[in-house]
Protein backbone atom coordinates (compact mmCIF):
# COMPACT_ATOMS: atom_id res chain seq x y z
CA MET A 1 165.41 76.18 103.46
CA VAL A 2 162.80 78.92 103.60
CA SER A 3 163.48 81.79 106.02
CA TYR A 4 161.23 84.71 106.93
CA PHE A 5 162.49 88.20 107.83
CA LYS A 6 161.02 91.46 109.05
CA ALA A 7 162.53 94.91 109.42
CA LYS A 8 162.32 96.89 112.63
CA ALA A 9 164.28 99.98 113.72
CA GLY A 10 166.51 99.72 110.64
CA GLU A 11 167.51 96.10 111.28
CA VAL A 12 166.38 92.78 109.82
CA PHE A 13 165.55 89.86 112.09
CA THR A 14 164.10 86.38 111.62
CA VAL A 15 160.43 85.70 112.32
CA ASP A 16 158.37 82.51 112.35
CA ASP A 17 155.13 84.04 111.11
CA ALA A 18 155.17 84.05 107.31
CA GLN A 19 151.97 86.09 107.15
CA HIS A 20 153.61 89.17 108.68
CA CYS A 21 157.11 88.98 107.21
CA ASP A 22 158.62 91.54 104.82
CA TRP A 23 161.04 89.23 103.06
CA ILE A 24 161.19 85.49 102.30
CA ASN A 25 164.60 84.07 101.44
CA VAL A 26 164.92 80.63 99.81
CA CYS A 27 168.17 78.65 99.56
CA PRO A 28 169.28 74.99 99.81
CA PRO A 29 168.97 72.55 101.45
CA PHE A 30 165.26 71.93 100.90
CA LYS A 31 162.85 69.65 102.65
CA HIS A 32 160.56 67.45 100.59
CA GLY A 33 157.68 69.47 99.18
CA GLU A 34 158.97 72.75 100.64
CA LEU A 35 159.08 74.61 97.33
CA GLU A 36 155.63 73.41 96.31
CA ALA A 37 154.22 74.53 99.66
CA LEU A 38 155.80 77.97 99.31
CA ALA A 39 154.49 78.37 95.75
CA GLN A 40 150.97 77.55 96.91
CA PHE A 41 151.23 79.78 99.98
CA ALA A 42 152.57 82.80 98.05
CA ASP A 43 150.31 82.11 95.05
CA ILE A 44 153.15 82.03 92.53
CA PRO A 45 154.02 79.54 89.75
CA ILE A 46 156.38 76.81 90.89
CA ASP A 47 158.48 77.60 87.80
CA PHE A 48 159.45 80.91 89.40
CA LEU A 49 161.24 78.98 92.13
CA THR A 50 162.74 76.18 90.04
CA ASP A 51 163.99 78.57 87.34
CA SER A 52 165.76 80.63 90.00
CA LEU A 53 167.61 77.51 91.14
CA ASP A 54 168.80 76.64 87.62
CA VAL A 55 172.43 77.80 87.34
CA ASP A 56 172.12 78.02 83.54
CA GLU A 57 169.23 80.51 83.52
CA ARG A 58 170.02 83.88 81.92
CA SER A 59 169.00 87.27 83.26
CA ARG A 60 165.41 88.15 82.39
CA TYR A 61 162.05 89.03 83.88
CA GLU A 62 158.71 87.30 83.55
CA LYS A 63 155.23 88.31 84.65
CA ASP A 64 152.33 86.08 85.66
CA GLU A 65 149.07 87.74 86.66
CA GLU A 66 149.99 89.73 89.81
CA SER A 67 153.47 88.25 90.39
CA THR A 68 156.78 89.09 88.69
CA LEU A 69 160.02 87.11 88.48
CA ILE A 70 163.33 88.93 87.98
CA LEU A 71 166.46 86.84 87.36
CA VAL A 72 169.84 88.56 87.63
CA ASN A 73 173.19 86.75 87.37
CA SER A 74 175.52 87.11 90.34
CA PRO A 75 179.20 86.18 90.84
CA ILE A 76 180.28 83.73 93.53
CA LEU A 77 183.48 81.92 94.42
CA ASN A 78 183.57 78.52 92.73
CA ASP A 79 183.50 75.76 95.34
CA ASP A 80 184.93 73.29 92.80
CA SER A 81 188.64 73.09 93.67
CA LYS A 82 189.70 71.37 90.43
CA GLU A 83 192.71 72.99 88.77
CA ASN A 84 190.95 73.37 85.43
CA GLU A 85 187.81 75.08 86.77
CA ALA A 86 187.07 78.81 86.90
CA ILE A 87 187.89 80.70 90.10
CA TYR A 88 184.54 82.50 90.00
CA ILE A 89 181.27 81.45 88.40
CA THR A 90 177.92 83.16 88.06
CA ILE A 91 174.52 81.94 89.22
CA PRO A 92 171.09 83.58 89.10
CA ILE A 93 169.39 85.34 91.96
CA GLY A 94 165.64 85.04 91.64
CA ILE A 95 163.60 88.02 92.84
CA ILE A 96 159.87 87.36 93.04
CA LEU A 97 157.48 90.26 93.60
CA THR A 98 153.89 89.68 94.66
CA PRO A 99 151.32 92.06 96.19
CA LYS A 100 152.05 90.55 99.62
CA PHE A 101 155.58 89.13 99.53
CA PHE A 102 159.14 89.86 98.45
CA ILE A 103 160.93 86.56 97.77
CA THR A 104 164.58 85.93 96.91
CA VAL A 105 165.80 82.56 95.66
CA CYS A 106 169.37 81.35 95.07
CA SER A 107 170.88 77.90 94.50
CA LYS A 108 173.89 78.65 96.73
CA GLU A 109 174.80 80.94 99.59
CA ASN A 110 175.34 84.31 97.95
CA PRO A 111 177.48 87.16 99.37
CA VAL A 112 175.11 89.72 97.84
CA LEU A 113 172.11 88.49 99.85
CA GLU A 114 174.27 87.86 102.92
CA LYS A 115 175.04 91.57 103.14
CA PHE A 116 171.33 92.25 103.57
CA LEU A 117 170.96 89.43 106.08
CA GLU A 118 173.84 90.89 108.11
CA ASN A 119 172.38 94.44 108.01
CA LYS A 120 175.40 95.78 106.12
CA VAL A 121 173.46 97.72 103.46
CA LYS A 122 172.78 101.35 104.28
CA GLY A 123 169.12 102.37 104.08
CA PHE A 124 167.91 98.82 103.59
CA ASN A 125 164.19 98.34 104.16
CA PRO A 126 162.67 95.10 102.82
CA SER A 127 159.17 96.54 103.02
CA ASP A 128 160.11 98.94 100.20
CA LYS A 129 160.10 96.42 97.36
CA ARG A 130 161.25 98.78 94.62
CA LEU A 131 164.24 100.01 96.60
CA PHE A 132 165.10 96.44 97.66
CA VAL A 133 165.33 95.32 94.02
CA ILE A 134 167.51 98.31 93.14
CA GLN A 135 169.77 97.69 96.13
CA ILE A 136 170.22 94.03 95.16
CA PHE A 137 171.27 95.19 91.68
CA GLU A 138 173.63 97.72 93.25
CA GLN A 139 175.32 95.24 95.60
CA ASN A 140 175.55 92.73 92.75
CA VAL A 141 177.46 95.17 90.53
CA TYR A 142 179.77 96.04 93.42
CA ARG A 143 180.50 92.34 93.84
CA PHE A 144 181.42 92.02 90.14
CA LEU A 145 183.77 95.02 90.40
CA GLU A 146 185.38 93.65 93.55
CA TYR A 147 186.04 90.24 91.98
CA LEU A 148 187.37 91.86 88.80
CA LYS A 149 189.95 93.76 90.82
CA LYS A 150 190.99 90.55 92.59
CA LEU A 151 191.29 88.69 89.27
CA ASN A 152 193.39 91.48 87.76
CA LEU A 153 195.71 91.54 90.78
CA ARG A 154 196.05 87.78 90.59
CA ARG A 155 196.83 87.96 86.87
CA ASN A 156 199.59 90.53 87.48
CA LEU A 157 201.21 88.34 90.13
CA ILE A 158 201.10 85.27 87.88
CA GLU A 159 202.62 87.23 84.98
CA GLN A 160 205.54 88.22 87.19
CA GLU A 161 206.06 84.56 88.03
CA LEU A 162 206.01 83.65 84.34
CA TYR A 163 208.96 85.94 83.66
CA HIS A 164 211.09 83.71 85.87
CA SER A 165 209.63 80.26 85.27
CA SER A 166 207.78 78.18 82.71
CA ARG A 167 205.83 75.91 85.03
CA ASN A 168 202.42 74.61 84.11
CA GLU A 169 200.94 75.85 87.40
CA GLU A 170 201.05 79.51 86.32
CA LEU A 171 199.49 78.69 82.95
CA GLN A 172 196.71 76.73 84.65
CA GLN A 173 196.00 79.69 86.93
CA LEU A 174 195.78 82.02 83.92
CA LEU A 175 193.36 79.60 82.29
CA ARG A 176 191.17 79.63 85.43
CA ILE A 177 191.15 83.42 85.37
CA GLU A 178 190.23 83.41 81.68
CA LYS A 179 187.29 81.09 82.35
CA SER A 180 186.10 83.35 85.17
CA LEU A 181 186.21 86.36 82.85
CA VAL A 182 184.17 84.49 80.25
CA TYR A 183 181.46 83.94 82.89
CA PHE A 184 181.62 87.61 83.87
CA VAL A 185 181.38 88.96 80.32
CA SER A 186 178.39 86.76 79.52
CA SER A 187 176.55 87.54 82.77
CA LEU A 188 177.25 91.29 82.74
CA SER A 189 176.02 91.52 79.13
CA SER A 190 172.85 89.68 80.08
CA ASN A 191 172.38 91.83 83.20
CA GLU A 192 172.81 95.01 81.18
CA LEU A 193 170.11 93.97 78.71
CA LEU A 194 167.80 93.13 81.61
CA LYS A 195 168.27 96.51 83.30
CA MET A 196 167.84 98.44 80.06
CA LYS A 197 164.61 96.59 79.37
CA MET A 198 163.39 97.18 82.93
CA LYS A 199 164.12 100.88 82.56
CA ARG A 200 162.40 101.09 79.18
CA THR A 201 159.25 99.30 80.37
CA ASP A 202 159.37 100.92 83.84
CA LEU A 203 158.88 97.51 85.43
CA LEU A 204 159.54 98.87 88.93
CA ARG A 205 157.39 101.98 88.36
CA ILE A 206 160.12 104.41 89.34
CA HIS A 207 159.92 106.93 86.48
CA ASP A 208 158.09 109.33 88.80
CA HIS A 209 160.53 108.71 91.66
CA GLU A 210 163.62 110.76 90.86
CA ASP A 211 165.89 109.31 93.58
CA TYR A 212 165.17 105.71 92.63
CA LEU A 213 165.50 106.44 88.92
CA ASP A 214 168.86 108.19 89.39
CA LEU A 215 170.16 105.29 91.47
CA PHE A 216 168.97 102.77 88.88
CA GLU A 217 170.70 104.71 86.08
CA ASP A 218 173.92 104.83 88.11
CA ILE A 219 173.73 101.05 88.48
CA ILE A 220 173.36 100.66 84.71
CA ILE A 221 176.48 102.80 84.27
CA ASP A 222 178.39 100.74 86.85
CA ASN A 223 177.31 97.55 85.09
CA SER A 224 178.62 98.91 81.78
CA GLN A 225 181.89 99.80 83.49
CA ALA A 226 182.21 96.29 84.91
CA LEU A 227 181.47 94.81 81.47
CA GLU A 228 184.12 97.02 79.86
CA MET A 229 186.64 96.05 82.55
CA SER A 230 185.88 92.36 81.93
CA ASN A 231 186.45 92.76 78.21
CA VAL A 232 189.70 94.68 78.76
CA HIS A 233 191.02 92.09 81.22
CA THR A 234 190.03 89.31 78.81
CA ASN A 235 191.90 90.96 75.93
CA ILE A 236 194.99 91.57 78.08
CA LEU A 237 194.96 87.98 79.27
CA SER A 238 194.56 86.64 75.74
CA GLY A 239 197.48 88.80 74.62
CA THR A 240 199.58 87.56 77.53
CA MET A 241 198.84 83.93 76.73
CA GLU A 242 199.69 84.45 73.05
CA ALA A 243 202.91 86.31 73.88
CA TYR A 244 203.97 83.60 76.31
CA ALA A 245 203.21 80.91 73.72
CA SER A 246 205.41 82.78 71.23
CA ILE A 247 208.22 83.03 73.78
CA VAL A 248 208.03 79.31 74.52
CA SER A 249 208.01 78.54 70.80
CA ASN A 250 211.04 80.78 70.18
CA ASN A 251 212.92 79.21 73.09
CA LEU A 252 212.12 75.77 71.72
CA ASN A 253 213.42 76.77 68.29
CA VAL A 254 216.66 78.02 69.85
CA ILE A 255 217.11 74.75 71.77
CA ILE A 256 216.41 72.67 68.64
CA HIS A 257 218.88 74.80 66.66
CA ARG A 258 221.60 74.24 69.27
CA LEU A 259 220.88 70.52 69.44
CA THR A 260 221.11 70.33 65.66
CA ILE A 261 224.53 72.00 65.70
CA VAL A 262 225.76 69.67 68.44
CA THR A 263 224.45 66.66 66.50
CA ILE A 264 226.24 67.76 63.32
CA ILE A 265 229.49 68.30 65.23
CA LEU A 266 229.28 64.88 66.87
CA TRP A 267 228.45 63.25 63.52
CA CYS A 268 231.51 64.88 61.93
CA LEU A 269 233.77 63.77 64.78
CA LEU A 270 232.51 60.22 64.63
CA TRP A 271 232.78 60.04 60.86
């Protein structure tokens, strides 16, 4: 589905006229030939759209004549309810900059973009392309930090349950958290490299704009903080799993030792 938006009086609203829109948002489901028509209309390579919809794409940017593609990984709640799947996964948000259009592409509904659609981002103006990119990065980092706090709280609650039980359900939940953290560490590392490269090459041309540059540097710092938090939580979780495995092993050894003693006593009595 391709939607067109325009800003007026500080709010974003939907328009039907693509020629006069400030922002084009692309997300499933798609009609036949819709992506090809958009690529031709916006004069961009079709790969810019298809790459943005590939969940395995890593964060990067790519230039083609007058258009630029920026891919940044974003966290979302996993809609796969299987017990062995991660709670959160990461998917790319494609940001396509052309002289006329600002295009965002995502393979699923994304809370980061929804905040802009719901006018919940202060100072949002889609006609300011440089600021829009920076604000997407900012909201994306905030989303990582929010999910990290939720995962850590969930881990603490599960650990408390493990002190009083040895059910498989708690271990499965810890495994889901661990998988989520693996996604986060990988994506945050990739995002950090992307932002550092964008800053070094001045892709957004903000070196002469002090406010934008300061905001972008703050986002890089926040991304590093989120990455460090992910690594810390991963290490704590790994230590918890190892400690619990040791406890289970020790308890098993105690049970086997007691059973051995009982067996010897019974053997002696029967002999």
